Amino acid sequence: MSAKPKPIFHKRIFWDVNFENLDYENKANFIIERVFERGDVEDIRNCRRYYGDEKISNALTKAKWLNLQTIYLASAVLSNNLTDYKCYIQALSNPTHWLF
C-alpha cells in the first residue's frame, strides 16, 4: 500500500514555521486554516484533494479564529452556512469599533 503523496503548497503560506518538517496529519487543522487564510486558488484545490471537504469543513467550522474573508470564502467553497462557523458566531457577539 503506497502512502498518499503530500500536497504541494507555496512556502510563503508557512513563512513562520519549518516548511520541510510540517506534519500533514498531526497538524492538519493548522495547515487547513493557514491555506484558506493565505493560499491562492491552487493551494485550496490541493488542500481539498488531500484532506477532503469533510475534514476541511470540520477544521474550519471549529476554528477558534478566522478572519471574516476566510469565513466567507470557506462558506462559499464548502457550501456551508456562515452560522456553522464557531468563530463567525463569536465575531458577531464581539463587534469591533466602527472605522471612519
PDB file of N, CA and C in Angstrom:
ATOM      1  N   MET A   1       0.846  -1.179   0.000  1.00  0.00           N
ATOM      2  CA  MET A   1       0.000   0.000   0.000  1.00  0.00           C
ATOM      3  C   MET A   1       0.891   1.242   0.000  1.00  0.00           C
ATOM      4  N   SER A   2       0.672   2.116  -0.944  1.00  0.00           N
ATOM      5  CA  SER A   2       1.522   3.302  -1.050  1.00  0.00           C
ATOM      6  C   SER A   2       0.962   4.438  -0.203  1.00  0.00           C
ATOM      7  N   ALA A   3       1.863   5.275   0.262  1.00  0.00           N
ATOM      8  CA  ALA A   3       1.469   6.427   1.079  1.00  0.00           C
ATOM      9  C   ALA A   3       0.874   7.504   0.171  1.00  0.00           C
ATOM     10  N   LYS A   4      -0.035   8.260   0.726  1.00  0.00           N
ATOM     11  CA  LYS A   4      -0.670   9.349  -0.008  1.00  0.00           C
ATOM     12  C   LYS A   4       0.362  10.445  -0.248  1.00  0.00           C
ATOM     13  N   PRO A   5       0.531  10.907  -1.495  1.00  0.00           N
ATOM     14  CA  PRO A   5       1.528  11.965  -1.747  1.00  0.00           C
ATOM     15  C   PRO A   5       1.120  13.274  -1.071  1.00  0.00           C
ATOM     16  N   LYS A   6       2.112  13.964  -0.552  1.00  0.00           N
ATOM     17  CA  LYS A   6       1.862  15.244   0.128  1.00  0.00           C
ATOM     18  C   LYS A   6       1.364  16.279  -0.876  1.00  0.00           C
ATOM     19  N   PRO A   7       0.472  17.152  -0.421  1.00  0.00           N
ATOM     20  CA  PRO A   7       0.014  18.217  -1.315  1.00  0.00           C
ATOM     21  C   PRO A   7       1.126  19.238  -1.548  1.00  0.00           C
ATOM     22  N   ILE A   8       1.023  19.939  -2.627  1.00  0.00           N
ATOM     23  CA  ILE A   8       2.019  20.961  -2.959  1.00  0.00           C
ATOM     24  C   ILE A   8       1.441  22.326  -2.605  1.00  0.00           C
ATOM     25  N   PHE A   9       2.055  22.982  -1.621  1.00  0.00           N
ATOM     26  CA  PHE A   9       1.658  24.316  -1.211  1.00  0.00           C
ATOM     27  C   PHE A   9       2.830  25.261  -1.403  1.00  0.00           C
ATOM     28  N   HIS A  10       2.534  26.541  -1.596  1.00  0.00           N
ATOM     29  CA  HIS A  10       3.592  27.541  -1.672  1.00  0.00           C
ATOM     30  C   HIS A  10       4.204  27.727  -0.288  1.00  0.00           C
ATOM     31  N   LYS A  11       5.502  27.844  -0.235  1.00  0.00           N
ATOM     32  CA  LYS A  11       6.203  28.026   1.039  1.00  0.00           C
ATOM     33  C   LYS A  11       5.837  29.342   1.714  1.00  0.00           C
ATOM     34  N   ARG A  12       5.397  30.319   0.945  1.00  0.00           N
ATOM     35  CA  ARG A  12       5.059  31.619   1.523  1.00  0.00           C
ATOM     36  C   ARG A  12       3.897  31.528   2.508  1.00  0.00           C
ATOM     37  N   ILE A  13       3.064  30.520   2.377  1.00  0.00           N
ATOM     38  CA  ILE A  13       1.939  30.343   3.296  1.00  0.00           C
ATOM     39  C   ILE A  13       2.452  30.010   4.697  1.00  0.00           C
ATOM     40  N   PHE A  14       3.529  29.274   4.758  1.00  0.00           N
ATOM     41  CA  PHE A  14       4.082  28.805   6.029  1.00  0.00           C
ATOM     42  C   PHE A  14       5.427  29.472   6.301  1.00  0.00           C
ATOM     43  N   TRP A  15       5.453  30.771   6.144  1.00  0.00           N
ATOM     44  CA  TRP A  15       6.686  31.539   6.276  1.00  0.00           C
ATOM     45  C   TRP A  15       7.269  31.488   7.682  1.00  0.00           C
ATOM     46  N   ASP A  16       6.448  31.245   8.703  1.00  0.00           N
ATOM     47  CA  ASP A  16       6.911  31.329  10.089  1.00  0.00           C
ATOM     48  C   ASP A  16       7.196  29.982  10.733  1.00  0.00           C
ATOM     49  N   VAL A  17       7.070  28.901   9.982  1.00  0.00           N
ATOM     50  CA  VAL A  17       7.363  27.567  10.508  1.00  0.00           C
ATOM     51  C   VAL A  17       8.320  26.864   9.556  1.00  0.00           C
ATOM     52  N   ASN A  18       8.905  25.774  10.025  1.00  0.00           N
ATOM     53  CA  ASN A  18       9.806  24.995   9.179  1.00  0.00           C
ATOM     54  C   ASN A  18       8.963  24.192   8.195  1.00  0.00           C
ATOM     55  N   PHE A  19       8.915  24.660   6.973  1.00  0.00           N
ATOM     56  CA  PHE A  19       8.065  24.069   5.939  1.00  0.00           C
ATOM     57  C   PHE A  19       8.411  22.615   5.676  1.00  0.00           C
ATOM     58  N   GLU A  20       9.671  22.284   5.718  1.00  0.00           N
ATOM     59  CA  GLU A  20      10.122  20.924   5.392  1.00  0.00           C
ATOM     60  C   GLU A  20       9.659  19.900   6.432  1.00  0.00           C
ATOM     61  N   ASN A  21       9.424  20.338   7.668  1.00  0.00           N
ATOM     62  CA  ASN A  21       9.054  19.417   8.738  1.00  0.00           C
ATOM     63  C   ASN A  21       7.573  19.433   9.099  1.00  0.00           C
ATOM     64  N   LEU A  22       6.734  19.981   8.224  1.00  0.00           N
ATOM     65  CA  LEU A  22       5.300  20.010   8.508  1.00  0.00           C
ATOM     66  C   LEU A  22       4.751  18.586   8.571  1.00  0.00           C
ATOM     67  N   ASP A  23       4.011  18.305   9.617  1.00  0.00           N
ATOM     68  CA  ASP A  23       3.359  17.006   9.760  1.00  0.00           C
ATOM     69  C   ASP A  23       1.932  17.156   9.254  1.00  0.00           C
ATOM     70  N   TYR A  24       1.671  16.646   8.060  1.00  0.00           N
ATOM     71  CA  TYR A  24       0.399  16.866   7.386  1.00  0.00           C
ATOM     72  C   TYR A  24      -0.778  16.173   8.070  1.00  0.00           C
ATOM     73  N   GLU A  25      -0.521  15.202   8.907  1.00  0.00           N
ATOM     74  CA  GLU A  25      -1.620  14.523   9.611  1.00  0.00           C
ATOM     75  C   GLU A  25      -1.853  15.114  11.002  1.00  0.00           C
ATOM     76  N   ASN A  26      -0.806  15.251  11.789  1.00  0.00           N
ATOM     77  CA  ASN A  26      -0.965  15.755  13.155  1.00  0.00           C
ATOM     78  C   ASN A  26      -1.278  17.249  13.215  1.00  0.00           C
ATOM     79  N   LYS A  27      -0.883  17.996  12.238  1.00  0.00           N
ATOM     80  CA  LYS A  27      -1.117  19.449  12.200  1.00  0.00           C
ATOM     81  C   LYS A  27      -2.113  19.824  11.097  1.00  0.00           C
ATOM     82  N   ALA A  28      -3.029  18.922  10.796  1.00  0.00           N
ATOM     83  CA  ALA A  28      -3.978  19.138   9.693  1.00  0.00           C
ATOM     84  C   ALA A  28      -4.807  20.398   9.886  1.00  0.00           C
ATOM     85  N   ASN A  29      -5.326  20.628  11.083  1.00  0.00           N
ATOM     86  CA  ASN A  29      -6.162  21.811  11.312  1.00  0.00           C
ATOM     87  C   ASN A  29      -5.380  23.095  11.073  1.00  0.00           C
ATOM     88  N   PHE A  30      -4.154  23.145  11.576  1.00  0.00           N
ATOM     89  CA  PHE A  30      -3.295  24.313  11.370  1.00  0.00           C
ATOM     90  C   PHE A  30      -3.060  24.545   9.872  1.00  0.00           C
ATOM     91  N   ILE A  31      -2.744  23.487   9.155  1.00  0.00           N
ATOM     92  CA  ILE A  31      -2.447  23.597   7.729  1.00  0.00           C
ATOM     93  C   ILE A  31      -3.688  24.044   6.958  1.00  0.00           C
ATOM     94  N   ILE A  32      -4.829  23.455   7.255  1.00  0.00           N
ATOM     95  CA  ILE A  32      -6.073  23.813   6.562  1.00  0.00           C
ATOM     96  C   ILE A  32      -6.408  25.281   6.799  1.00  0.00           C
ATOM     97  N   GLU A  33      -6.351  25.715   8.054  1.00  0.00           N
ATOM     98  CA  GLU A  33      -6.648  27.116   8.366  1.00  0.00           C
ATOM     99  C   GLU A  33      -5.698  28.053   7.633  1.00  0.00           C
ATOM    100  N   ARG A  34      -4.423  27.732   7.648  1.00  0.00           N
ATOM    101  CA  ARG A  34      -3.418  28.586   7.027  1.00  0.00           C
ATOM    102  C   ARG A  34      -3.598  28.649   5.514  1.00  0.00           C
ATOM    103  N   VAL A  35      -3.902  27.520   4.892  1.00  0.00           N
ATOM    104  CA  VAL A  35      -4.096  27.504   3.437  1.00  0.00           C
ATOM    105  C   VAL A  35      -5.300  28.352   3.053  1.00  0.00           C
ATOM    106  N   PHE A  36      -6.394  28.252   3.795  1.00  0.00           N
ATOM    107  CA  PHE A  36      -7.569  29.050   3.466  1.00  0.00           C
ATOM    108  C   PHE A  36      -7.349  30.526   3.773  1.00  0.00           C
ATOM    109  N   GLU A  37      -6.523  30.850   4.749  1.00  0.00           N
ATOM    110  CA  GLU A  37      -6.250  32.255   5.060  1.00  0.00           C
ATOM    111  C   GLU A  37      -5.289  32.899   4.069  1.00  0.00           C
ATOM    112  N   ARG A  38      -4.246  32.180   3.681  1.00  0.00           N
ATOM    113  CA  ARG A  38      -3.161  32.804   2.919  1.00  0.00           C
ATOM    114  C   ARG A  38      -2.867  32.177   1.572  1.00  0.00           C
ATOM    115  N   GLY A  39      -3.544  31.094   1.246  1.00  0.00           N
ATOM    116  CA  GLY A  39      -3.265  30.408  -0.011  1.00  0.00           C
ATOM    117  C   GLY A  39      -4.017  30.997  -1.187  1.00  0.00           C
ATOM    118  N   ASP A  40      -3.602  30.595  -2.371  1.00  0.00           N
ATOM    119  CA  ASP A  40      -4.328  31.004  -3.568  1.00  0.00           C
ATOM    120  C   ASP A  40      -5.250  29.858  -4.002  1.00  0.00           C
ATOM    121  N   VAL A  41      -5.871  30.002  -5.140  1.00  0.00           N
ATOM    122  CA  VAL A  41      -6.854  29.021  -5.603  1.00  0.00           C
ATOM    123  C   VAL A  41      -6.225  27.631  -5.737  1.00  0.00           C
ATOM    124  N   GLU A  42      -5.038  27.557  -6.281  1.00  0.00           N
ATOM    125  CA  GLU A  42      -4.384  26.262  -6.469  1.00  0.00           C
ATOM    126  C   GLU A  42      -4.048  25.603  -5.126  1.00  0.00           C
ATOM    127  N   ASP A  43      -3.635  26.391  -4.154  1.00  0.00           N
ATOM    128  CA  ASP A  43      -3.358  25.849  -2.816  1.00  0.00           C
ATOM    129  C   ASP A  43      -4.630  25.263  -2.206  1.00  0.00           C
ATOM    130  N   ILE A  44      -5.742  25.968  -2.351  1.00  0.00           N
ATOM    131  CA  ILE A  44      -7.004  25.481  -1.799  1.00  0.00           C
ATOM    132  C   ILE A  44      -7.448  24.214  -2.513  1.00  0.00           C
ATOM    133  N   ARG A  45      -7.264  24.154  -3.817  1.00  0.00           N
ATOM    134  CA  ARG A  45      -7.588  22.925  -4.568  1.00  0.00           C
ATOM    135  C   ARG A  45      -6.759  21.748  -4.075  1.00  0.00           C
ATOM    136  N   ASN A  46      -5.458  21.973  -3.881  1.00  0.00           N
ATOM    137  CA  ASN A  46      -4.591  20.898  -3.390  1.00  0.00           C
ATOM    138  C   ASN A  46      -4.987  20.456  -1.990  1.00  0.00           C
ATOM    139  N   CYS A  47      -5.379  21.406  -1.170  1.00  0.00           N
ATOM    140  CA  CYS A  47      -5.829  21.101   0.189  1.00  0.00           C
ATOM    141  C   CYS A  47      -7.091  20.245   0.147  1.00  0.00           C
ATOM    142  N   ARG A  48      -8.026  20.602  -0.709  1.00  0.00           N
ATOM    143  CA  ARG A  48      -9.272  19.836  -0.829  1.00  0.00           C
ATOM    144  C   ARG A  48      -9.009  18.435  -1.362  1.00  0.00           C
ATOM    145  N   ARG A  49      -8.084  18.289  -2.292  1.00  0.00           N
ATOM    146  CA  ARG A  49      -7.749  16.959  -2.817  1.00  0.00           C
ATOM    147  C   ARG A  49      -7.140  16.075  -1.729  1.00  0.00           C
ATOM    148  N   TYR A  50      -6.263  16.667  -0.928  1.00  0.00           N
ATOM    149  CA  TYR A  50      -5.547  15.878   0.074  1.00  0.00           C
ATOM    150  C   TYR A  50      -6.425  15.539   1.278  1.00  0.00           C
ATOM    151  N   TYR A  51      -7.096  16.531   1.841  1.00  0.00           N
ATOM    152  CA  TYR A  51      -7.850  16.321   3.076  1.00  0.00           C
ATOM    153  C   TYR A  51      -9.319  15.963   2.855  1.00  0.00           C
ATOM    154  N   GLY A  52      -9.905  16.384   1.772  1.00  0.00           N
ATOM    155  CA  GLY A  52     -11.319  16.150   1.534  1.00  0.00           C
ATOM    156  C   GLY A  52     -12.175  17.222   2.202  1.00  0.00           C
ATOM    157  N   ASP A  53     -13.340  17.461   1.633  1.00  0.00           N
ATOM    158  CA  ASP A  53     -14.196  18.547   2.113  1.00  0.00           C
ATOM    159  C   ASP A  53     -14.709  18.332   3.533  1.00  0.00           C
ATOM    160  N   GLU A  54     -14.947  17.085   3.911  1.00  0.00           N
ATOM    161  CA  GLU A  54     -15.477  16.831   5.256  1.00  0.00           C
ATOM    162  C   GLU A  54     -14.467  17.215   6.339  1.00  0.00           C
ATOM    163  N   LYS A  55     -13.217  16.813   6.162  1.00  0.00           N
ATOM    164  CA  LYS A  55     -12.186  17.154   7.151  1.00  0.00           C
ATOM    165  C   LYS A  55     -11.927  18.660   7.169  1.00  0.00           C
ATOM    166  N   ILE A  56     -11.937  19.281   6.008  1.00  0.00           N
ATOM    167  CA  ILE A  56     -11.725  20.724   5.925  1.00  0.00           C
ATOM    168  C   ILE A  56     -12.873  21.455   6.609  1.00  0.00           C
ATOM    169  N   SER A  57     -14.090  21.015   6.348  1.00  0.00           N
ATOM    170  CA  SER A  57     -15.254  21.637   6.969  1.00  0.00           C
ATOM    171  C   SER A  57     -15.197  21.520   8.488  1.00  0.00           C
ATOM    172  N   ASN A  58     -14.831  20.345   8.989  1.00  0.00           N
ATOM    173  CA  ASN A  58     -14.705  20.160  10.442  1.00  0.00           C
ATOM    174  C   ASN A  58     -13.651  21.084  11.031  1.00  0.00           C
ATOM    175  N   ALA A  59     -12.521  21.202  10.367  1.00  0.00           N
ATOM    176  CA  ALA A  59     -11.435  22.042  10.877  1.00  0.00           C
ATOM    177  C   ALA A  59     -11.829  23.513  10.886  1.00  0.00           C
ATOM    178  N   LEU A  60     -12.445  23.984   9.818  1.00  0.00           N
ATOM    179  CA  LEU A  60     -12.757  25.406   9.711  1.00  0.00           C
ATOM    180  C   LEU A  60     -13.964  25.809  10.544  1.00  0.00           C
ATOM    181  N   THR A  61     -14.950  24.951  10.669  1.00  0.00           N
ATOM    182  CA  THR A  61     -16.117  25.315  11.475  1.00  0.00           C
ATOM    183  C   THR A  61     -15.802  25.322  12.955  1.00  0.00           C
ATOM    184  N   LYS A  62     -14.773  24.586  13.364  1.00  0.00           N
ATOM    185  CA  LYS A  62     -14.398  24.541  14.780  1.00  0.00           C
ATOM    186  C   LYS A  62     -13.213  25.444  15.116  1.00  0.00           C
ATOM    187  N   ALA A  63     -12.704  26.160  14.134  1.00  0.00           N
ATOM    188  CA  ALA A  63     -11.547  27.029  14.358  1.00  0.00           C
ATOM    189  C   ALA A  63     -11.880  28.100  15.387  1.00  0.00           C
ATOM    190  N   LYS A  64     -10.908  28.413  16.231  1.00  0.00           N
ATOM    191  CA  LYS A  64     -11.119  29.435  17.262  1.00  0.00           C
ATOM    192  C   LYS A  64     -11.124  30.836  16.679  1.00  0.00           C
ATOM    193  N   TRP A  65     -10.357  31.057  15.602  1.00  0.00           N
ATOM    194  CA  TRP A  65     -10.335  32.377  14.984  1.00  0.00           C
ATOM    195  C   TRP A  65     -10.001  32.250  13.506  1.00  0.00           C
ATOM    196  N   LEU A  66     -10.795  32.908  12.688  1.00  0.00           N
ATOM    197  CA  LEU A  66     -10.531  33.106  11.264  1.00  0.00           C
ATOM    198  C   LEU A  66     -11.005  34.517  10.925  1.00  0.00           C
ATOM    199  N   ASN A  67     -10.324  35.169   9.990  1.00  0.00           N
ATOM    200  CA  ASN A  67     -10.822  36.486   9.602  1.00  0.00           C
ATOM    201  C   ASN A  67     -12.092  36.318   8.765  1.00  0.00           C
ATOM    202  N   LEU A  68     -12.879  37.366   8.682  1.00  0.00           N
ATOM    203  CA  LEU A  68     -14.179  37.269   8.017  1.00  0.00           C
ATOM    204  C   LEU A  68     -14.067  36.885   6.548  1.00  0.00           C
ATOM    205  N   GLN A  69     -13.035  37.357   5.859  1.00  0.00           N
ATOM    206  CA  GLN A  69     -12.860  36.996   4.457  1.00  0.00           C
ATOM    207  C   GLN A  69     -12.663  35.495   4.304  1.00  0.00           C
ATOM    208  N   THR A  70     -11.918  34.899   5.214  1.00  0.00           N
ATOM    209  CA  THR A  70     -11.682  33.458   5.170  1.00  0.00           C
ATOM    210  C   THR A  70     -12.972  32.696   5.439  1.00  0.00           C
ATOM    211  N   ILE A  71     -13.768  33.183   6.377  1.00  0.00           N
ATOM    212  CA  ILE A  71     -15.042  32.531   6.678  1.00  0.00           C
ATOM    213  C   ILE A  71     -15.965  32.588   5.461  1.00  0.00           C
ATOM    214  N   TYR A  72     -16.058  33.751   4.822  1.00  0.00           N
ATOM    215  CA  TYR A  72     -16.897  33.885   3.629  1.00  0.00           C
ATOM    216  C   TYR A  72     -16.401  32.974   2.504  1.00  0.00           C
ATOM    217  N   LEU A  73     -15.097  32.921   2.307  1.00  0.00           N
ATOM    218  CA  LEU A  73     -14.522  32.053   1.280  1.00  0.00           C
ATOM    219  C   LEU A  73     -14.839  30.587   1.570  1.00  0.00           C
ATOM    220  N   ALA A  74     -14.585  30.163   2.797  1.00  0.00           N
ATOM    221  CA  ALA A  74     -14.833  28.766   3.164  1.00  0.00           C
ATOM    222  C   ALA A  74     -16.307  28.420   3.019  1.00  0.00           C
ATOM    223  N   SER A  75     -17.161  29.333   3.414  1.00  0.00           N
ATOM    224  CA  SER A  75     -18.601  29.116   3.295  1.00  0.00           C
ATOM    225  C   SER A  75     -19.003  28.936   1.835  1.00  0.00           C
ATOM    226  N   ALA A  76     -18.445  29.731   0.947  1.00  0.00           N
ATOM    227  CA  ALA A  76     -18.753  29.624  -0.480  1.00  0.00           C
ATOM    228  C   ALA A  76     -18.182  28.349  -1.096  1.00  0.00           C
ATOM    229  N   VAL A  77     -16.954  28.021  -0.747  1.00  0.00           N
ATOM    230  CA  VAL A  77     -16.306  26.842  -1.318  1.00  0.00           C
ATOM    231  C   VAL A  77     -16.955  25.554  -0.828  1.00  0.00           C
ATOM    232  N   LEU A  78     -17.290  25.507   0.456  1.00  0.00           N
ATOM    233  CA  LEU A  78     -17.798  24.275   1.058  1.00  0.00           C
ATOM    234  C   LEU A  78     -19.327  24.239   1.143  1.00  0.00           C
ATOM    235  N   SER A  79     -19.992  25.276   0.680  1.00  0.00           N
ATOM    236  CA  SER A  79     -21.457  25.372   0.712  1.00  0.00           C
ATOM    237  C   SER A  79     -22.028  25.213   2.120  1.00  0.00           C
ATOM    238  N   ASN A  80     -21.377  25.871   3.075  1.00  0.00           N
ATOM    239  CA  ASN A  80     -21.856  25.898   4.462  1.00  0.00           C
ATOM    240  C   ASN A  80     -22.580  27.205   4.719  1.00  0.00           C
ATOM    241  N   ASN A  81     -23.321  27.242   5.811  1.00  0.00           N
ATOM    242  CA  ASN A  81     -23.893  28.496   6.288  1.00  0.00           C
ATOM    243  C   ASN A  81     -22.855  29.221   7.124  1.00  0.00           C
ATOM    244  N   LEU A  82     -22.907  30.527   7.118  1.00  0.00           N
ATOM    245  CA  LEU A  82     -21.975  31.300   7.941  1.00  0.00           C
ATOM    246  C   LEU A  82     -22.129  30.963   9.414  1.00  0.00           C
ATOM    247  N   THR A  83     -23.340  30.667   9.831  1.00  0.00           N
ATOM    248  CA  THR A  83     -23.587  30.362  11.244  1.00  0.00           C
ATOM    249  C   THR A  83     -23.044  29.006  11.664  1.00  0.00           C
ATOM    250  N   ASP A  84     -22.552  28.215  10.721  1.00  0.00           N
ATOM    251  CA  ASP A  84     -21.905  26.939  11.066  1.00  0.00           C
ATOM    252  C   ASP A  84     -20.517  27.156  11.668  1.00  0.00           C
ATOM    253  N   TYR A  85     -19.951  28.335  11.455  1.00  0.00           N
ATOM    254  CA  TYR A  85     -18.583  28.617  11.886  1.00  0.00           C
ATOM    255  C   TYR A  85     -18.585  29.208  13.290  1.00  0.00           C
ATOM    256  N   LYS A  86     -17.921  28.514  14.186  1.00  0.00           N
ATOM    257  CA  LYS A  86     -17.843  28.944  15.584  1.00  0.00           C
ATOM    258  C   LYS A  86     -17.274  30.360  15.698  1.00  0.00           C
ATOM    259  N   CYS A  87     -16.241  30.657  14.934  1.00  0.00           N
ATOM    260  CA  CYS A  87     -15.604  31.966  15.031  1.00  0.00           C
ATOM    261  C   CYS A  87     -16.482  33.069  14.429  1.00  0.00           C
ATOM    262  N   TYR A  88     -17.394  32.745  13.534  1.00  0.00           N
ATOM    263  CA  TYR A  88     -18.308  33.743  12.995  1.00  0.00           C
ATOM    264  C   TYR A  88     -19.310  34.167  14.065  1.00  0.00           C
ATOM    265  N   ILE A  89     -19.847  33.198  14.766  1.00  0.00           N
ATOM    266  CA  ILE A  89     -20.787  33.482  15.851  1.00  0.00           C
ATOM    267  C   ILE A  89     -20.088  34.323  16.923  1.00  0.00           C
ATOM    268  N   GLN A  90     -18.863  33.968  17.220  1.00  0.00           N
ATOM    269  CA  GLN A  90     -18.084  34.698  18.221  1.00  0.00           C
ATOM    270  C   GLN A  90     -17.817  36.130  17.759  1.00  0.00           C
ATOM    271  N   ALA A  91     -17.544  36.323  16.487  1.00  0.00           N
ATOM    272  CA  ALA A  91     -17.285  37.663  15.957  1.00  0.00           C
ATOM    273  C   ALA A  91     -18.547  38.524  16.021  1.00  0.00           C
ATOM    274  N   LEU A  92     -19.691  37.924  15.785  1.00  0.00           N
ATOM    275  CA  LEU A  92     -20.941  38.686  15.861  1.00  0.00           C
ATOM    276  C   LEU A  92     -21.240  39.136  17.283  1.00  0.00           C
ATOM    277  N   SER A  93     -20.857  38.322  18.244  1.00  0.00           N
ATOM    278  CA  SER A  93     -21.149  38.685  19.638  1.00  0.00           C
ATOM    279  C   SER A  93     -20.120  39.644  20.222  1.00  0.00           C
ATOM    280  N   ASN A  94     -19.028  39.890  19.506  1.00  0.00           N
ATOM    281  CA  ASN A  94     -17.985  40.818  19.947  1.00  0.00           C
ATOM    282  C   ASN A  94     -17.688  41.811  18.829  1.00  0.00           C
ATOM    283  N   PRO A  95     -18.605  42.737  18.555  1.00  0.00           N
ATOM    284  CA  PRO A  95     -18.368  43.673  17.441  1.00  0.00           C
ATOM    285  C   PRO A  95     -17.205  44.614  17.732  1.00  0.00           C
ATOM    286  N   THR A  96     -16.534  45.017  16.666  1.00  0.00           N
ATOM    287  CA  THR A  96     -15.404  45.937  16.799  1.00  0.00           C
ATOM    288  C   THR A  96     -15.912  47.368  16.627  1.00  0.00           C
ATOM    289  N   HIS A  97     -15.045  48.320  16.894  1.00  0.00           N
ATOM    290  CA  HIS A  97     -15.387  49.733  16.695  1.00  0.00           C
ATOM    291  C   HIS A  97     -15.540  50.034  15.229  1.00  0.00           C
ATOM    292  N   TRP A  98     -16.346  50.994  14.921  1.00  0.00           N
ATOM    293  CA  TRP A  98     -16.515  51.406  13.539  1.00  0.00           C
ATOM    294  C   TRP A  98     -15.264  52.124  13.064  1.00  0.00           C
ATOM    295  N   LEU A  99     -14.892  51.861  11.847  1.00  0.00           N
ATOM    296  CA  LEU A  99     -13.764  52.564  11.254  1.00  0.00           C
ATOM    297  C   LEU A  99     -14.307  53.729  10.424  1.00  0.00           C
ATOM    298  N   PHE A 100     -13.828  54.922  10.701  1.00  0.00           N
ATOM    299  CA  PHE A 100     -14.284  56.107   9.984  1.00  0.00           C
ATOM    300  C   PHE A 100     -13.278  56.532   8.961  1.00  0.00           C
TER     301      PHE A 100
END
